[in-house]
Amino acid sequence: MLPWFKKKAIDFFSIQEKERIVAAIKDAEHQTSGEIRIHIESKCLSNTPLNRAVELFSSLEMYKTNGRNGVLIYVALKSKKLAIYGDEGIHQQIGKEFWNNQIEMMVHYFNANDFLEGIVATVGEVGNVLKEHFPYDNKNDFNELPDDILFGI
């Protein structure tokens, strides 16, 4: 077993790395009315990572954004599973191919043991597509969801 799989999800990234991920989320969201959240856990607690992402999306009430433009990036470290789930507002605009491309990009980074850059790059790309379809309006937009990283078991 590789050493990084021995860590608990919450301890996987250093404090500085967690701060960099949160900064990437904040930077992306300053350009869009969309919302990005990241959930990291050790094991996937569902039969597929997408099902788990949908469960989490629902339990976090991410569907309550004004534009239905929330995006959840899900990572299960020990299970080696990833998923990205976008709410109906953004999914209707960009479709399944975009999400699949982002998963492929994350897998590329993760296979090189560069988890931080994989997540930061994905947040940036998701932010760009959200900006394109849901640009930020400083009169009406506000941060609808927290920007912190969520950690499971």
Protein backbone atom coordinates (compact mmCIF):
# COMPACT_ATOMS: atom_id res chain seq x y z
CA MET A 1 0.00 0.00 0.00
CA LEU A 2 1.32 3.40 -0.92
CA PRO A 3 2.06 5.68 2.07
CA TRP A 4 -0.49 8.33 1.09
CA PHE A 5 -3.30 5.78 1.38
CA LYS A 6 -2.50 5.32 5.07
CA LYS A 7 -3.64 8.83 5.90
CA LYS A 8 -7.18 9.73 6.87
CA ALA A 9 -8.97 11.92 4.35
CA ILE A 10 -8.81 14.98 6.59
CA ASP A 11 -5.03 14.59 7.00
CA PHE A 12 -4.29 13.87 3.35
CA PHE A 13 -3.47 17.49 2.49
CA SER A 14 -1.31 19.83 4.55
CA ILE A 15 -2.81 23.02 5.97
CA GLN A 16 -1.13 25.02 3.19
CA GLU A 17 -2.49 22.67 0.52
CA LYS A 18 -6.00 22.92 1.95
CA GLU A 19 -5.67 26.71 1.92
CA ARG A 20 -4.60 26.58 -1.73
CA ILE A 21 -7.66 24.49 -2.66
CA VAL A 22 -10.00 26.85 -0.82
CA ALA A 23 -8.29 29.82 -2.52
CA ALA A 24 -8.88 28.16 -5.91
CA ILE A 25 -12.57 27.76 -5.06
CA LYS A 26 -12.83 31.40 -3.98
CA ASP A 27 -11.01 32.62 -7.11
CA ALA A 28 -13.30 30.59 -9.36
CA GLU A 29 -16.44 31.75 -7.59
CA HIS A 30 -15.47 35.43 -7.79
CA GLN A 31 -16.09 35.19 -11.53
CA THR A 32 -19.41 33.33 -11.49
CA SER A 33 -22.69 32.98 -9.66
CA GLY A 34 -21.99 29.23 -9.63
CA GLU A 35 -20.88 27.34 -6.55
CA ILE A 36 -18.14 24.72 -6.24
CA ARG A 37 -17.70 22.31 -3.35
CA ILE A 38 -15.18 19.54 -2.78
CA HIS A 39 -15.80 16.41 -0.74
CA ILE A 40 -12.90 14.07 0.06
CA GLU A 41 -13.23 10.77 1.88
CA SER A 42 -11.24 7.57 2.16
CA LYS A 43 -13.74 5.06 0.84
CA CYS A 44 -16.63 5.42 -1.55
CA LEU A 45 -19.73 4.59 0.47
CA SER A 46 -21.91 3.82 -2.55
CA ASN A 47 -21.85 1.40 -5.45
CA THR A 48 -20.51 4.11 -7.80
CA PRO A 49 -18.72 7.40 -7.17
CA LEU A 50 -21.37 9.29 -9.14
CA ASN A 51 -24.11 7.87 -6.92
CA ARG A 52 -22.12 8.95 -3.88
CA ALA A 53 -21.64 12.43 -5.34
CA VAL A 54 -25.40 12.69 -5.97
CA GLU A 55 -26.11 11.57 -2.38
CA LEU A 56 -23.73 14.18 -1.00
CA PHE A 57 -25.01 16.89 -3.35
CA SER A 58 -28.52 16.28 -2.08
CA SER A 59 -27.60 16.03 1.61
CA LEU A 60 -25.62 19.27 1.33
CA GLU A 61 -28.66 20.89 -0.33
CA MET A 62 -26.48 22.14 -3.16
CA TYR A 63 -29.58 22.16 -5.40
CA LYS A 64 -30.75 25.28 -3.56
CA THR A 65 -28.54 27.67 -5.55
CA ASN A 66 -30.45 30.34 -7.46
CA GLY A 67 -29.18 29.24 -10.87
CA ARG A 68 -29.11 25.51 -10.08
CA ASN A 69 -25.41 25.85 -10.88
CA GLY A 70 -23.69 24.09 -8.01
CA VAL A 71 -20.90 21.61 -8.75
CA LEU A 72 -19.58 18.93 -6.41
CA ILE A 73 -16.14 17.42 -6.94
CA TYR A 74 -15.96 14.08 -5.14
CA VAL A 75 -12.79 12.10 -4.36
CA ALA A 76 -12.55 8.75 -2.54
CA LEU A 77 -8.83 8.24 -1.91
CA LYS A 78 -8.49 4.58 -0.87
CA SER A 79 -11.23 3.49 -3.25
CA LYS A 80 -9.49 5.41 -6.06
CA LYS A 81 -12.82 6.83 -7.24
CA LEU A 82 -13.76 10.25 -8.55
CA ALA A 83 -16.91 11.97 -9.69
CA ILE A 84 -18.09 15.43 -10.57
CA TYR A 85 -21.76 16.25 -10.30
CA GLY A 86 -23.21 19.45 -11.70
CA ASP A 87 -26.74 20.61 -10.98
CA GLU A 88 -29.27 20.81 -13.78
CA GLY A 89 -28.65 24.48 -14.59
CA ILE A 90 -25.01 23.94 -15.54
CA HIS A 91 -25.36 20.35 -16.76
CA GLN A 92 -27.94 21.41 -19.36
CA GLN A 93 -25.48 23.99 -20.65
CA ILE A 94 -22.39 21.81 -20.96
CA GLY A 95 -23.39 18.14 -20.93
CA LYS A 96 -21.68 14.94 -19.86
CA GLU A 97 -18.57 15.26 -22.04
CA PHE A 98 -17.21 18.21 -20.05
CA TRP A 99 -17.51 16.32 -16.76
CA ASN A 100 -15.84 13.25 -18.28
CA ASN A 101 -12.95 15.40 -19.55
CA GLN A 102 -12.47 16.85 -16.09
CA ILE A 103 -12.40 13.37 -14.55
CA GLU A 104 -9.78 12.33 -17.14
CA MET A 105 -7.68 15.37 -16.25
CA MET A 106 -7.89 14.60 -12.53
CA VAL A 107 -6.96 10.96 -13.15
CA HIS A 108 -3.92 12.12 -15.15
CA TYR A 109 -2.74 14.28 -12.23
CA PHE A 110 -3.60 11.67 -9.62
CA ASN A 111 -1.70 8.95 -11.51
CA ALA A 112 1.34 11.23 -11.25
CA ASN A 113 0.69 11.55 -7.48
CA ASP A 114 -0.12 15.23 -7.92
CA PHE A 115 -3.44 15.34 -6.10
CA LEU A 116 -3.26 19.00 -5.19
CA GLU A 117 -2.71 20.17 -8.76
CA GLY A 118 -5.38 17.80 -10.03
CA ILE A 119 -7.99 19.32 -7.75
CA VAL A 120 -6.84 22.92 -8.26
CA ALA A 121 -6.79 22.51 -12.05
CA THR A 122 -10.26 20.96 -12.03
CA VAL A 123 -11.65 23.74 -9.85
CA GLY A 124 -10.18 26.25 -12.31
CA GLU A 125 -11.73 24.54 -15.35
CA VAL A 126 -15.11 24.18 -13.64
CA GLY A 127 -14.90 27.84 -12.63
CA ASN A 128 -14.19 28.85 -16.23
CA VAL A 129 -17.20 27.00 -17.61
CA LEU A 130 -19.41 28.38 -14.83
CA LYS A 131 -18.15 31.88 -15.62
CA GLU A 132 -19.02 31.39 -19.28
CA HIS A 133 -22.61 30.34 -18.58
CA PHE A 134 -23.25 32.07 -15.23
CA PRO A 135 -21.12 35.23 -15.09
CA TYR A 136 -20.78 37.05 -11.79
CA ASP A 137 -23.16 39.94 -11.18
CA ASN A 138 -21.87 42.07 -8.29
CA LYS A 139 -25.34 43.55 -7.67
CA ASN A 140 -27.19 40.27 -7.20
CA ASP A 141 -24.66 37.52 -6.56
CA PHE A 142 -23.49 36.32 -3.17
CA ASN A 143 -21.71 33.25 -1.88
CA GLU A 144 -24.56 30.77 -1.47
CA LEU A 145 -22.48 27.84 -0.19
CA PRO A 146 -19.37 27.60 2.02
CA ASP A 147 -16.01 27.34 0.24
CA ASP A 148 -14.41 24.95 2.71
CA ILE A 149 -13.37 21.40 1.83
CA LEU A 150 -15.64 18.69 3.18
CA PHE A 151 -14.08 15.53 4.58
CA GLY A 152 -15.77 12.19 5.12
CA ILE A 153 -14.48 9.03 6.70
